[in-house]
């Protein structure tokens, strides 16, 4: 006899939003976007939701039904206009500036300690990958949160494509560098380009994800088009945007924020309500769109899936 054990992030089917209601909500939002109701500033800037993308025909993709949420998906009109993207500015309303990013042609370099080094175009990469939608909680170190329907593929699939060699221990991610379109990269006190890192074990965890779409469409530019990392058990700054290079190495990468202020931003940056940031308590979070306060969950609610990655790390600073 099989005994089924419910995971911590699964909800009873009776609590799920009926499909007809959810699909009707999507249709309403799509209609509003098409009618120009979400233009925002009214300054004549192109709406982020109308940006053309050659991969548009790939979406929507089938949802991974094993991943559910303990909250409603945050409406797109909030997540698309409240973003951190320091390449384009330090404020949250950077979505108009981010439209300057050129997403075609776009290539991703895979190099380092791998058997299959290559530079691959984003559309060729998408053609090789099994795309799916995943509903994930997203927690910012600034103590706000959202719930997002990302589309893309498991990072483990990209690791498989690269073929890491036996000595590879880390993945080093790097974003684009082009100050001519990203004015924030003209600020010389930042260590451009943006760099992040994961261990190979983290990268092949079932939750680690490469997002290429969101809300049934290709990624809008302010989300990190055309390809970004999503690691939902970590603070949001770990989920690097607009990736151009992934290197496999035996040396731990020094991330962008770690290089700026290592006392506040460590390599691991796992979510923990009991470990405050020097400037923000982390015990609760503000839900984007409603401003509801909720208690922060250890590993952002994904403890069951990821806690084992860190059990033998001794005195490592795991949570900030």
C-alpha atoms as a PDB file:
ATOM      1  CA  UNK A   1       0.000   0.000   0.000  1.00  0.00           C
ATOM      2  CA  UNK A   2       1.306   3.463  -0.893  1.00  0.00           C
ATOM      3  CA  UNK A   3       1.116   6.116   1.822  1.00  0.00           C
ATOM      4  CA  UNK A   4       1.023   9.617   0.379  1.00  0.00           C
ATOM      5  CA  UNK A   5       2.623  12.316   2.546  1.00  0.00           C
ATOM      6  CA  UNK A   6       1.476  15.835   1.745  1.00  0.00           C
ATOM      7  CA  UNK A   7       4.312  18.313   1.288  1.00  0.00           C
ATOM      8  CA  UNK A   8       4.419  21.570   3.234  1.00  0.00           C
ATOM      9  CA  UNK A   9       3.620  23.709   0.192  1.00  0.00           C
ATOM     10  CA  UNK A  10       0.719  21.636  -1.141  1.00  0.00           C
ATOM     11  CA  UNK A  11      -2.883  22.703  -0.612  1.00  0.00           C
ATOM     12  CA  UNK A  12      -5.994  20.489  -0.535  1.00  0.00           C
ATOM     13  CA  UNK A  13      -7.699  20.427  -3.924  1.00  0.00           C
ATOM     14  CA  UNK A  14     -10.868  21.860  -2.364  1.00  0.00           C
ATOM     15  CA  UNK A  15      -8.943  25.083  -1.538  1.00  0.00           C
ATOM     16  CA  UNK A  16      -7.682  25.653  -5.075  1.00  0.00           C
ATOM     17  CA  UNK A  17      -9.245  28.422  -7.121  1.00  0.00           C
ATOM     18  CA  UNK A  18     -11.650  26.870  -9.675  1.00  0.00           C
ATOM     19  CA  UNK A  19     -10.143  26.792 -13.170  1.00  0.00           C
ATOM     20  CA  UNK A  20     -13.022  28.747 -14.700  1.00  0.00           C
ATOM     21  CA  UNK A  21     -12.584  31.573 -12.193  1.00  0.00           C
ATOM     22  CA  UNK A  22      -8.825  31.702 -12.685  1.00  0.00           C
ATOM     23  CA  UNK A  23      -9.069  31.660 -16.489  1.00  0.00           C
ATOM     24  CA  UNK A  24     -11.723  34.373 -16.430  1.00  0.00           C
ATOM     25  CA  UNK A  25      -9.393  36.540 -14.307  1.00  0.00           C
ATOM     26  CA  UNK A  26      -6.611  36.046 -16.868  1.00  0.00           C
ATOM     27  CA  UNK A  27      -8.941  37.070 -19.673  1.00  0.00           C
ATOM     28  CA  UNK A  28     -10.002  40.192 -17.789  1.00  0.00           C
ATOM     29  CA  UNK A  29      -6.398  41.235 -17.141  1.00  0.00           C
ATOM     30  CA  UNK A  30      -5.467  40.572 -20.756  1.00  0.00           C
ATOM     31  CA  UNK A  31      -8.374  42.730 -21.883  1.00  0.00           C
ATOM     32  CA  UNK A  32      -7.336  45.553 -19.584  1.00  0.00           C
ATOM     33  CA  UNK A  33      -3.778  45.404 -20.873  1.00  0.00           C
ATOM     34  CA  UNK A  34      -4.958  45.433 -24.459  1.00  0.00           C
ATOM     35  CA  UNK A  35      -7.205  48.395 -23.784  1.00  0.00           C
ATOM     36  CA  UNK A  36      -4.325  50.381 -22.361  1.00  0.00           C
ATOM     37  CA  UNK A  37      -5.690  50.441 -18.825  1.00  0.00           C
ATOM     38  CA  UNK A  38      -2.259  49.577 -17.424  1.00  0.00           C
ATOM     39  CA  UNK A  39      -0.227  52.270 -19.166  1.00  0.00           C
ATOM     40  CA  UNK A  40       0.681  53.698 -15.769  1.00  0.00           C
ATOM     41  CA  UNK A  41       2.522  56.962 -16.090  1.00  0.00           C
ATOM     42  CA  UNK A  42       0.647  58.354 -19.056  1.00  0.00           C
ATOM     43  CA  UNK A  43       3.894  59.823 -20.368  1.00  0.00           C
ATOM     44  CA  UNK A  44       3.711  58.119 -23.737  1.00  0.00           C
ATOM     45  CA  UNK A  45       6.239  55.412 -22.851  1.00  0.00           C
ATOM     46  CA  UNK A  46       5.619  52.040 -24.474  1.00  0.00           C
ATOM     47  CA  UNK A  47       3.713  49.740 -22.080  1.00  0.00           C
ATOM     48  CA  UNK A  48       5.810  46.861 -20.786  1.00  0.00           C
ATOM     49  CA  UNK A  49       2.988  44.432 -21.500  1.00  0.00           C
ATOM     50  CA  UNK A  50       2.956  45.064 -25.272  1.00  0.00           C
ATOM     51  CA  UNK A  51       6.630  44.403 -25.964  1.00  0.00           C
ATOM     52  CA  UNK A  52       7.106  42.071 -28.929  1.00  0.00           C
ATOM     53  CA  UNK A  53       9.206  38.947 -28.473  1.00  0.00           C
ATOM     54  CA  UNK A  54       9.992  36.224 -31.030  1.00  0.00           C
ATOM     55  CA  UNK A  55       9.238  33.535 -28.429  1.00  0.00           C
ATOM     56  CA  UNK A  56       5.689  34.750 -27.768  1.00  0.00           C
ATOM     57  CA  UNK A  57       4.187  31.755 -29.552  1.00  0.00           C
ATOM     58  CA  UNK A  58       5.651  29.377 -26.959  1.00  0.00           C
ATOM     59  CA  UNK A  59       3.361  30.646 -24.193  1.00  0.00           C
ATOM     60  CA  UNK A  60       1.283  29.766 -22.279  1.00  0.00           C
ATOM     61  CA  UNK A  61       2.952  26.531 -21.211  1.00  0.00           C
ATOM     62  CA  UNK A  62       1.629  23.685 -19.085  1.00  0.00           C
ATOM     63  CA  UNK A  63       1.621  24.344 -15.357  1.00  0.00           C
ATOM     64  CA  UNK A  64       3.559  22.111 -12.965  1.00  0.00           C
ATOM     65  CA  UNK A  65       0.654  21.105 -10.736  1.00  0.00           C
ATOM     66  CA  UNK A  66       2.874  19.797  -7.934  1.00  0.00           C
ATOM     67  CA  UNK A  67       3.743  23.385  -6.990  1.00  0.00           C
ATOM     68  CA  UNK A  68       0.978  25.340  -5.302  1.00  0.00           C
ATOM     69  CA  UNK A  69       0.725  28.514  -3.240  1.00  0.00           C
ATOM     70  CA  UNK A  70      -0.614  29.527   0.150  1.00  0.00           C
ATOM     71  CA  UNK A  71      -1.745  32.873  -1.304  1.00  0.00           C
ATOM     72  CA  UNK A  72      -3.194  34.356  -4.475  1.00  0.00           C
ATOM     73  CA  UNK A  73      -0.973  35.086  -7.446  1.00  0.00           C
ATOM     74  CA  UNK A  74       0.009  38.761  -7.326  1.00  0.00           C
ATOM     75  CA  UNK A  75      -1.684  40.622 -10.207  1.00  0.00           C
ATOM     76  CA  UNK A  76       0.660  41.537 -13.030  1.00  0.00           C
ATOM     77  CA  UNK A  77      -0.069  45.251 -12.822  1.00  0.00           C
ATOM     78  CA  UNK A  78       1.733  45.303  -9.453  1.00  0.00           C
ATOM     79  CA  UNK A  79       4.692  43.006 -10.144  1.00  0.00           C
ATOM     80  CA  UNK A  80       5.456  44.619 -13.503  1.00  0.00           C
ATOM     81  CA  UNK A  81       5.730  48.120 -12.060  1.00  0.00           C
ATOM     82  CA  UNK A  82       7.570  47.519  -8.801  1.00  0.00           C
ATOM     83  CA  UNK A  83      11.000  46.159  -9.620  1.00  0.00           C
ATOM     84  CA  UNK A  84      14.613  46.156  -8.547  1.00  0.00           C
ATOM     85  CA  UNK A  85      16.875  46.364 -11.603  1.00  0.00           C
ATOM     86  CA  UNK A  86      19.911  48.404 -10.610  1.00  0.00           C
ATOM     87  CA  UNK A  87      21.238  48.421 -14.150  1.00  0.00           C
ATOM     88  CA  UNK A  88      18.472  50.930 -14.912  1.00  0.00           C
ATOM     89  CA  UNK A  89      18.190  52.803 -11.615  1.00  0.00           C
ATOM     90  CA  UNK A  90      17.926  52.453  -7.856  1.00  0.00           C
ATOM     91  CA  UNK A  91      14.193  53.207  -7.538  1.00  0.00           C
ATOM     92  CA  UNK A  92      11.334  50.728  -7.907  1.00  0.00           C
ATOM     93  CA  UNK A  93       9.576  52.303 -10.908  1.00  0.00           C
ATOM     94  CA  UNK A  94      12.299  51.454 -13.412  1.00  0.00           C
ATOM     95  CA  UNK A  95      10.092  49.591 -15.891  1.00  0.00           C
ATOM     96  CA  UNK A  96      10.006  52.425 -18.473  1.00  0.00           C
ATOM     97  CA  UNK A  97      13.810  52.733 -18.448  1.00  0.00           C
ATOM     98  CA  UNK A  98      14.205  48.971 -18.761  1.00  0.00           C
ATOM     99  CA  UNK A  99      12.472  49.036 -22.150  1.00  0.00           C
ATOM    100  CA  UNK A 100      15.773  50.236 -23.631  1.00  0.00           C
ATOM    101  CA  UNK A 101      17.226  46.755 -23.186  1.00  0.00           C
ATOM    102  CA  UNK A 102      17.729  44.970 -26.519  1.00  0.00           C
ATOM    103  CA  UNK A 103      16.758  41.312 -26.150  1.00  0.00           C
ATOM    104  CA  UNK A 104      17.494  40.103 -29.703  1.00  0.00           C
ATOM    105  CA  UNK A 105      20.003  38.943 -30.653  1.00  0.00           C
ATOM    106  CA  UNK A 106      20.762  37.432 -27.249  1.00  0.00           C
ATOM    107  CA  UNK A 107      23.216  34.657 -26.525  1.00  0.00           C
ATOM    108  CA  UNK A 108      24.173  32.790 -23.378  1.00  0.00           C
ATOM    109  CA  UNK A 109      27.720  31.527 -22.912  1.00  0.00           C
ATOM    110  CA  UNK A 110      28.265  28.244 -21.056  1.00  0.00           C
ATOM    111  CA  UNK A 111      31.902  27.817 -20.127  1.00  0.00           C
ATOM    112  CA  UNK A 112      34.381  26.720 -17.486  1.00  0.00           C
ATOM    113  CA  UNK A 113      34.653  23.196 -16.135  1.00  0.00           C
ATOM    114  CA  UNK A 114      32.184  21.549 -18.524  1.00  0.00           C
ATOM    115  CA  UNK A 115      32.263  19.028 -21.360  1.00  0.00           C
ATOM    116  CA  UNK A 116      30.038  21.041 -23.680  1.00  0.00           C
ATOM    117  CA  UNK A 117      31.174  24.707 -23.740  1.00  0.00           C
ATOM    118  CA  UNK A 118      29.060  26.770 -26.107  1.00  0.00           C
ATOM    119  CA  UNK A 119      27.474  30.081 -26.933  1.00  0.00           C
ATOM    120  CA  UNK A 120      23.819  29.532 -27.673  1.00  0.00           C
ATOM    121  CA  UNK A 121      21.108  31.898 -28.875  1.00  0.00           C
ATOM    122  CA  UNK A 122      18.156  32.305 -26.557  1.00  0.00           C
ATOM    123  CA  UNK A 123      15.659  30.943 -29.091  1.00  0.00           C
ATOM    124  CA  UNK A 124      17.831  27.896 -29.783  1.00  0.00           C
ATOM    125  CA  UNK A 125      18.093  27.325 -26.037  1.00  0.00           C
ATOM    126  CA  UNK A 126      14.326  27.544 -25.623  1.00  0.00           C
ATOM    127  CA  UNK A 127      13.874  24.963 -28.377  1.00  0.00           C
ATOM    128  CA  UNK A 128      16.011  22.486 -26.398  1.00  0.00           C
ATOM    129  CA  UNK A 129      14.274  22.913 -23.054  1.00  0.00           C
ATOM    130  CA  UNK A 130      11.052  21.418 -21.601  1.00  0.00           C
ATOM    131  CA  UNK A 131       9.089  24.545 -20.718  1.00  0.00           C
ATOM    132  CA  UNK A 132       6.598  24.638 -17.856  1.00  0.00           C
ATOM    133  CA  UNK A 133       4.899  27.134 -15.548  1.00  0.00           C
ATOM    134  CA  UNK A 134       5.656  27.218 -11.837  1.00  0.00           C
ATOM    135  CA  UNK A 135       3.891  29.207  -9.118  1.00  0.00           C
ATOM    136  CA  UNK A 136       6.498  30.488  -6.667  1.00  0.00           C
ATOM    137  CA  UNK A 137       6.625  32.806  -3.693  1.00  0.00           C
ATOM    138  CA  UNK A 138       9.219  35.568  -4.134  1.00  0.00           C
ATOM    139  CA  UNK A 139      10.699  37.267  -1.067  1.00  0.00           C
ATOM    140  CA  UNK A 140      12.796  40.440  -1.241  1.00  0.00           C
ATOM    141  CA  UNK A 141      15.403  41.217   1.398  1.00  0.00           C
ATOM    142  CA  UNK A 142      13.599  44.546   1.790  1.00  0.00           C
ATOM    143  CA  UNK A 143      10.739  42.579   3.422  1.00  0.00           C
ATOM    144  CA  UNK A 144       8.167  42.722   0.641  1.00  0.00           C
ATOM    145  CA  UNK A 145       6.916  39.671  -1.213  1.00  0.00           C
ATOM    146  CA  UNK A 146       4.822  38.516  -4.137  1.00  0.00           C
ATOM    147  CA  UNK A 147       3.582  35.303  -5.754  1.00  0.00           C
ATOM    148  CA  UNK A 148       4.485  34.860  -9.417  1.00  0.00           C
ATOM    149  CA  UNK A 149       3.578  32.426 -12.239  1.00  0.00           C
ATOM    150  CA  UNK A 150       6.994  31.988 -13.859  1.00  0.00           C
ATOM    151  CA  UNK A 151       7.433  30.054 -17.109  1.00  0.00           C
ATOM    152  CA  UNK A 152      10.715  28.440 -18.074  1.00  0.00           C
ATOM    153  CA  UNK A 153      12.673  25.296 -17.297  1.00  0.00           C
ATOM    154  CA  UNK A 154      14.486  23.567 -14.461  1.00  0.00           C
ATOM    155  CA  UNK A 155      18.042  24.832 -14.028  1.00  0.00           C
ATOM    156  CA  UNK A 156      19.051  21.183 -13.772  1.00  0.00           C
ATOM    157  CA  UNK A 157      18.224  20.832 -17.486  1.00  0.00           C
ATOM    158  CA  UNK A 158      20.733  23.532 -18.366  1.00  0.00           C
ATOM    159  CA  UNK A 159      23.326  21.909 -16.101  1.00  0.00           C
ATOM    160  CA  UNK A 160      22.760  18.682 -17.994  1.00  0.00           C
ATOM    161  CA  UNK A 161      23.244  20.493 -21.305  1.00  0.00           C
ATOM    162  CA  UNK A 162      26.566  21.926 -20.111  1.00  0.00           C
ATOM    163  CA  UNK A 163      27.882  18.617 -18.759  1.00  0.00           C
ATOM    164  CA  UNK A 164      29.817  19.674 -15.630  1.00  0.00           C
ATOM    165  CA  UNK A 165      33.152  18.000 -14.993  1.00  0.00           C
ATOM    166  CA  UNK A 166      33.947  16.244 -11.724  1.00  0.00           C
ATOM    167  CA  UNK A 167      35.766  19.211 -10.193  1.00  0.00           C
ATOM    168  CA  UNK A 168      32.974  21.750 -10.799  1.00  0.00           C
ATOM    169  CA  UNK A 169      31.400  22.942  -7.548  1.00  0.00           C
ATOM    170  CA  UNK A 170      29.753  26.279  -8.372  1.00  0.00           C
ATOM    171  CA  UNK A 171      27.844  28.101 -11.078  1.00  0.00           C
ATOM    172  CA  UNK A 172      28.777  31.746 -11.639  1.00  0.00           C
ATOM    173  CA  UNK A 173      26.057  33.809 -13.361  1.00  0.00           C
ATOM    174  CA  UNK A 174      26.748  37.094 -15.122  1.00  0.00           C
ATOM    175  CA  UNK A 175      24.348  39.646 -16.572  1.00  0.00           C
ATOM    176  CA  UNK A 176      24.804  41.932 -19.596  1.00  0.00           C
ATOM    177  CA  UNK A 177      27.101  44.954 -19.564  1.00  0.00           C
ATOM    178  CA  UNK A 178      26.005  47.857 -21.776  1.00  0.00           C
ATOM    179  CA  UNK A 179      26.049  51.343 -20.197  1.00  0.00           C
ATOM    180  CA  UNK A 180      24.785  52.820 -23.484  1.00  0.00           C
ATOM    181  CA  UNK A 181      21.306  51.376 -22.775  1.00  0.00           C
ATOM    182  CA  UNK A 182      21.523  50.743 -19.018  1.00  0.00           C
ATOM    183  CA  UNK A 183      22.263  54.084 -17.403  1.00  0.00           C
ATOM    184  CA  UNK A 184      22.752  52.549 -13.970  1.00  0.00           C
ATOM    185  CA  UNK A 185      25.857  50.811 -15.262  1.00  0.00           C
ATOM    186  CA  UNK A 186      27.479  54.222 -15.653  1.00  0.00           C
ATOM    187  CA  UNK A 187      27.696  54.398 -11.855  1.00  0.00           C
ATOM    188  CA  UNK A 188      31.318  53.415 -11.314  1.00  0.00           C
ATOM    189  CA  UNK A 189      30.947  52.680  -7.602  1.00  0.00           C
ATOM    190  CA  UNK A 190      29.026  49.506  -8.434  1.00  0.00           C
ATOM    191  CA  UNK A 191      30.999  46.394  -9.454  1.00  0.00           C
ATOM    192  CA  UNK A 192      29.418  45.820 -12.865  1.00  0.00           C
ATOM    193  CA  UNK A 193      28.441  43.476 -14.364  1.00  0.00           C
ATOM    194  CA  UNK A 194      26.019  41.945 -11.887  1.00  0.00           C
ATOM    195  CA  UNK A 195      27.281  38.530 -10.738  1.00  0.00           C
ATOM    196  CA  UNK A 196      25.631  35.802  -8.688  1.00  0.00           C
ATOM    197  CA  UNK A 197      26.476  32.240  -7.733  1.00  0.00           C
ATOM    198  CA  UNK A 198      25.048  28.920  -6.609  1.00  0.00           C
ATOM    199  CA  UNK A 199      26.585  25.630  -5.624  1.00  0.00           C
ATOM    200  CA  UNK A 200      26.132  22.820  -8.104  1.00  0.00           C
ATOM    201  CA  UNK A 201      23.906  21.084  -5.538  1.00  0.00           C
ATOM    202  CA  UNK A 202      21.666  24.154  -5.282  1.00  0.00           C
ATOM    203  CA  UNK A 203      21.542  24.491  -9.055  1.00  0.00           C
ATOM    204  CA  UNK A 204      20.332  20.922  -9.477  1.00  0.00           C
ATOM    205  CA  UNK A 205      17.754  21.118  -6.687  1.00  0.00           C
ATOM    206  CA  UNK A 206      14.214  20.503  -7.934  1.00  0.00           C
ATOM    207  CA  UNK A 207      13.161  24.109  -7.177  1.00  0.00           C
ATOM    208  CA  UNK A 208      15.979  25.972  -8.979  1.00  0.00           C
ATOM    209  CA  UNK A 209      14.470  27.459 -12.126  1.00  0.00           C
ATOM    210  CA  UNK A 210      15.364  29.479 -15.199  1.00  0.00           C
ATOM    211  CA  UNK A 211      12.522  31.843 -16.083  1.00  0.00           C
ATOM    212  CA  UNK A 212      11.946  32.927 -19.671  1.00  0.00           C
ATOM    213  CA  UNK A 213       8.315  33.931 -19.313  1.00  0.00           C
ATOM    214  CA  UNK A 214       5.752  35.188 -16.814  1.00  0.00           C
ATOM    215  CA  UNK A 215       1.946  35.582 -16.789  1.00  0.00           C
ATOM    216  CA  UNK A 216       1.626  33.407 -19.916  1.00  0.00           C
ATOM    217  CA  UNK A 217       3.975  35.639 -21.942  1.00  0.00           C
ATOM    218  CA  UNK A 218       7.713  36.063 -22.519  1.00  0.00           C
ATOM    219  CA  UNK A 219       9.454  37.967 -19.743  1.00  0.00           C
ATOM    220  CA  UNK A 220       8.927  41.701 -19.952  1.00  0.00           C
ATOM    221  CA  UNK A 221      12.231  43.518 -19.779  1.00  0.00           C
ATOM    222  CA  UNK A 222      11.895  44.783 -16.205  1.00  0.00           C
ATOM    223  CA  UNK A 223      11.588  41.160 -14.996  1.00  0.00           C
ATOM    224  CA  UNK A 224      15.002  40.353 -16.471  1.00  0.00           C
ATOM    225  CA  UNK A 225      14.282  39.400 -20.077  1.00  0.00           C
ATOM    226  CA  UNK A 226      14.982  37.269 -21.882  1.00  0.00           C
ATOM    227  CA  UNK A 227      16.353  34.847 -19.266  1.00  0.00           C
ATOM    228  CA  UNK A 228      16.741  35.051 -15.490  1.00  0.00           C
ATOM    229  CA  UNK A 229      17.346  32.856 -12.469  1.00  0.00           C
ATOM    230  CA  UNK A 230      14.611  32.054  -9.917  1.00  0.00           C
ATOM    231  CA  UNK A 231      15.613  30.477  -6.586  1.00  0.00           C
ATOM    232  CA  UNK A 232      12.501  30.928  -4.422  1.00  0.00           C
ATOM    233  CA  UNK A 233      14.001  29.888  -1.078  1.00  0.00           C
ATOM    234  CA  UNK A 234      16.535  32.735  -1.235  1.00  0.00           C
ATOM    235  CA  UNK A 235      16.170  36.508  -1.089  1.00  0.00           C
ATOM    236  CA  UNK A 236      15.317  38.053  -4.427  1.00  0.00           C
ATOM    237  CA  UNK A 237      18.706  39.618  -5.147  1.00  0.00           C
ATOM    238  CA  UNK A 238      20.068  36.095  -5.724  1.00  0.00           C
ATOM    239  CA  UNK A 239      17.737  35.652  -8.723  1.00  0.00           C
ATOM    240  CA  UNK A 240      19.970  37.401 -11.260  1.00  0.00           C
ATOM    241  CA  UNK A 241      18.328  38.990 -14.315  1.00  0.00           C
ATOM    242  CA  UNK A 242      19.186  39.117 -18.035  1.00  0.00           C
ATOM    243  CA  UNK A 243      21.848  36.412 -17.949  1.00  0.00           C
ATOM    244  CA  UNK A 244      24.535  36.310 -20.646  1.00  0.00           C
ATOM    245  CA  UNK A 245      27.059  33.903 -19.130  1.00  0.00           C
ATOM    246  CA  UNK A 246      27.087  30.879 -16.838  1.00  0.00           C
ATOM    247  CA  UNK A 247      30.489  29.566 -15.797  1.00  0.00           C
ATOM    248  CA  UNK A 248      31.148  26.301 -13.965  1.00  0.00           C
ATOM    249  CA  UNK A 249      34.024  26.625 -11.528  1.00  0.00           C
ATOM    250  CA  UNK A 250      35.681  25.145  -8.457  1.00  0.00           C
ATOM    251  CA  UNK A 251      35.905  28.577  -6.786  1.00  0.00           C
ATOM    252  CA  UNK A 252      33.026  30.200  -4.938  1.00  0.00           C
ATOM    253  CA  UNK A 253      31.884  33.315  -6.857  1.00  0.00           C
ATOM    254  CA  UNK A 254      31.744  36.660  -5.082  1.00  0.00           C
ATOM    255  CA  UNK A 255      28.306  38.052  -5.829  1.00  0.00           C
ATOM    256  CA  UNK A 256      27.468  41.661  -6.724  1.00  0.00           C
ATOM    257  CA  UNK A 257      25.976  42.599  -3.345  1.00  0.00           C
ATOM    258  CA  UNK A 258      28.486  40.539  -1.404  1.00  0.00           C
ATOM    259  CA  UNK A 259      31.291  42.545  -2.991  1.00  0.00           C
ATOM    260  CA  UNK A 260      29.532  45.827  -2.129  1.00  0.00           C
ATOM    261  CA  UNK A 261      28.746  44.989   1.507  1.00  0.00           C
ATOM    262  CA  UNK A 262      29.584  41.468   2.656  1.00  0.00           C
ATOM    263  CA  UNK A 263      28.437  42.161   6.222  1.00  0.00           C
ATOM    264  CA  UNK A 264      24.876  42.623   4.957  1.00  0.00           C
ATOM    265  CA  UNK A 265      24.747  40.320   1.929  1.00  0.00           C
ATOM    266  CA  UNK A 266      26.345  36.889   2.094  1.00  0.00           C
ATOM    267  CA  UNK A 267      26.754  34.188  -0.517  1.00  0.00           C
ATOM    268  CA  UNK A 268      23.907  31.980   0.704  1.00  0.00           C
ATOM    269  CA  UNK A 269      21.130  34.540   1.434  1.00  0.00           C
ATOM    270  CA  UNK A 270      18.490  31.984   2.403  1.00  0.00           C
ATOM    271  CA  UNK A 271      15.269  33.396   3.844  1.00  0.00           C
ATOM    272  CA  UNK A 272      14.982  33.194   7.634  1.00  0.00           C
ATOM    273  CA  UNK A 273      12.508  35.166   9.781  1.00  0.00           C
ATOM    274  CA  UNK A 274      14.791  34.908  12.820  1.00  0.00           C
ATOM    275  CA  UNK A 275      17.843  36.523  11.207  1.00  0.00           C
ATOM    276  CA  UNK A 276      17.339  40.271  10.645  1.00  0.00           C
ATOM    277  CA  UNK A 277      19.072  42.315   8.013  1.00  0.00           C
ATOM    278  CA  UNK A 278      21.031  45.196   9.524  1.00  0.00           C
ATOM    279  CA  UNK A 279      18.371  47.611   8.267  1.00  0.00           C
ATOM    280  CA  UNK A 280      15.201  45.479   8.120  1.00  0.00           C
ATOM    281  CA  UNK A 281      13.640  42.908  10.430  1.00  0.00           C
ATOM    282  CA  UNK A 282      12.722  39.769   8.505  1.00  0.00           C
ATOM    283  CA  UNK A 283      10.076  38.297  10.802  1.00  0.00           C
ATOM    284  CA  UNK A 284       7.223  39.529   8.596  1.00  0.00           C
ATOM    285  CA  UNK A 285       6.692  40.645   5.016  1.00  0.00           C
ATOM    286  CA  UNK A 286       4.423  42.995   3.070  1.00  0.00           C
ATOM    287  CA  UNK A 287       2.468  41.410   0.230  1.00  0.00           C
ATOM    288  CA  UNK A 288       2.782  43.470  -2.916  1.00  0.00           C
ATOM    289  CA  UNK A 289      -0.587  44.716  -4.146  1.00  0.00           C
ATOM    290  CA  UNK A 290      -2.511  44.382  -0.877  1.00  0.00           C
ATOM    291  CA  UNK A 291       0.027  45.548   1.741  1.00  0.00           C
ATOM    292  CA  UNK A 292      -1.132  42.650   3.923  1.00  0.00           C
ATOM    293  CA  UNK A 293       1.439  41.632   6.540  1.00  0.00           C
ATOM    294  CA  UNK A 294       2.338  37.961   6.800  1.00  0.00           C
ATOM    295  CA  UNK A 295       4.810  36.036   8.898  1.00  0.00           C
ATOM    296  CA  UNK A 296       7.956  35.179   6.987  1.00  0.00           C
ATOM    297  CA  UNK A 297       8.500  31.452   6.440  1.00  0.00           C
ATOM    298  CA  UNK A 298      11.852  29.723   6.910  1.00  0.00           C
ATOM    299  CA  UNK A 299      13.418  29.200   3.476  1.00  0.00           C
ATOM    300  CA  UNK A 300      10.390  31.166   2.227  1.00  0.00           C
ATOM    301  CA  UNK A 301       8.225  28.102   2.827  1.00  0.00           C
ATOM    302  CA  UNK A 302      10.447  25.645   0.947  1.00  0.00           C
ATOM    303  CA  UNK A 303      12.290  24.154   3.924  1.00  0.00           C
ATOM    304  CA  UNK A 304      11.263  20.595   3.095  1.00  0.00           C
ATOM    305  CA  UNK A 305      12.873  20.777  -0.337  1.00  0.00           C
ATOM    306  CA  UNK A 306      16.106  22.645   0.438  1.00  0.00           C
ATOM    307  CA  UNK A 307      17.126  22.447   4.109  1.00  0.00           C
ATOM    308  CA  UNK A 308      19.187  19.334   3.425  1.00  0.00           C
ATOM    309  CA  UNK A 309      21.495  21.354   1.175  1.00  0.00           C
ATOM    310  CA  UNK A 310      22.917  23.167   4.203  1.00  0.00           C
ATOM    311  CA  UNK A 311      23.050  20.564   6.977  1.00  0.00           C
ATOM    312  CA  UNK A 312      26.836  20.070   6.965  1.00  0.00           C
ATOM    313  CA  UNK A 313      28.059  23.638   6.469  1.00  0.00           C
ATOM    314  CA  UNK A 314      29.165  24.300  10.037  1.00  0.00           C
ATOM    315  CA  UNK A 315      29.474  27.997  10.881  1.00  0.00           C
ATOM    316  CA  UNK A 316      28.608  29.317   7.410  1.00  0.00           C
ATOM    317  CA  UNK A 317      26.369  32.395   7.490  1.00  0.00           C
ATOM    318  CA  UNK A 318      23.407  30.812   5.708  1.00  0.00           C
ATOM    319  CA  UNK A 319      20.684  33.390   6.083  1.00  0.00           C
ATOM    320  CA  UNK A 320      22.000  36.825   5.108  1.00  0.00           C
END
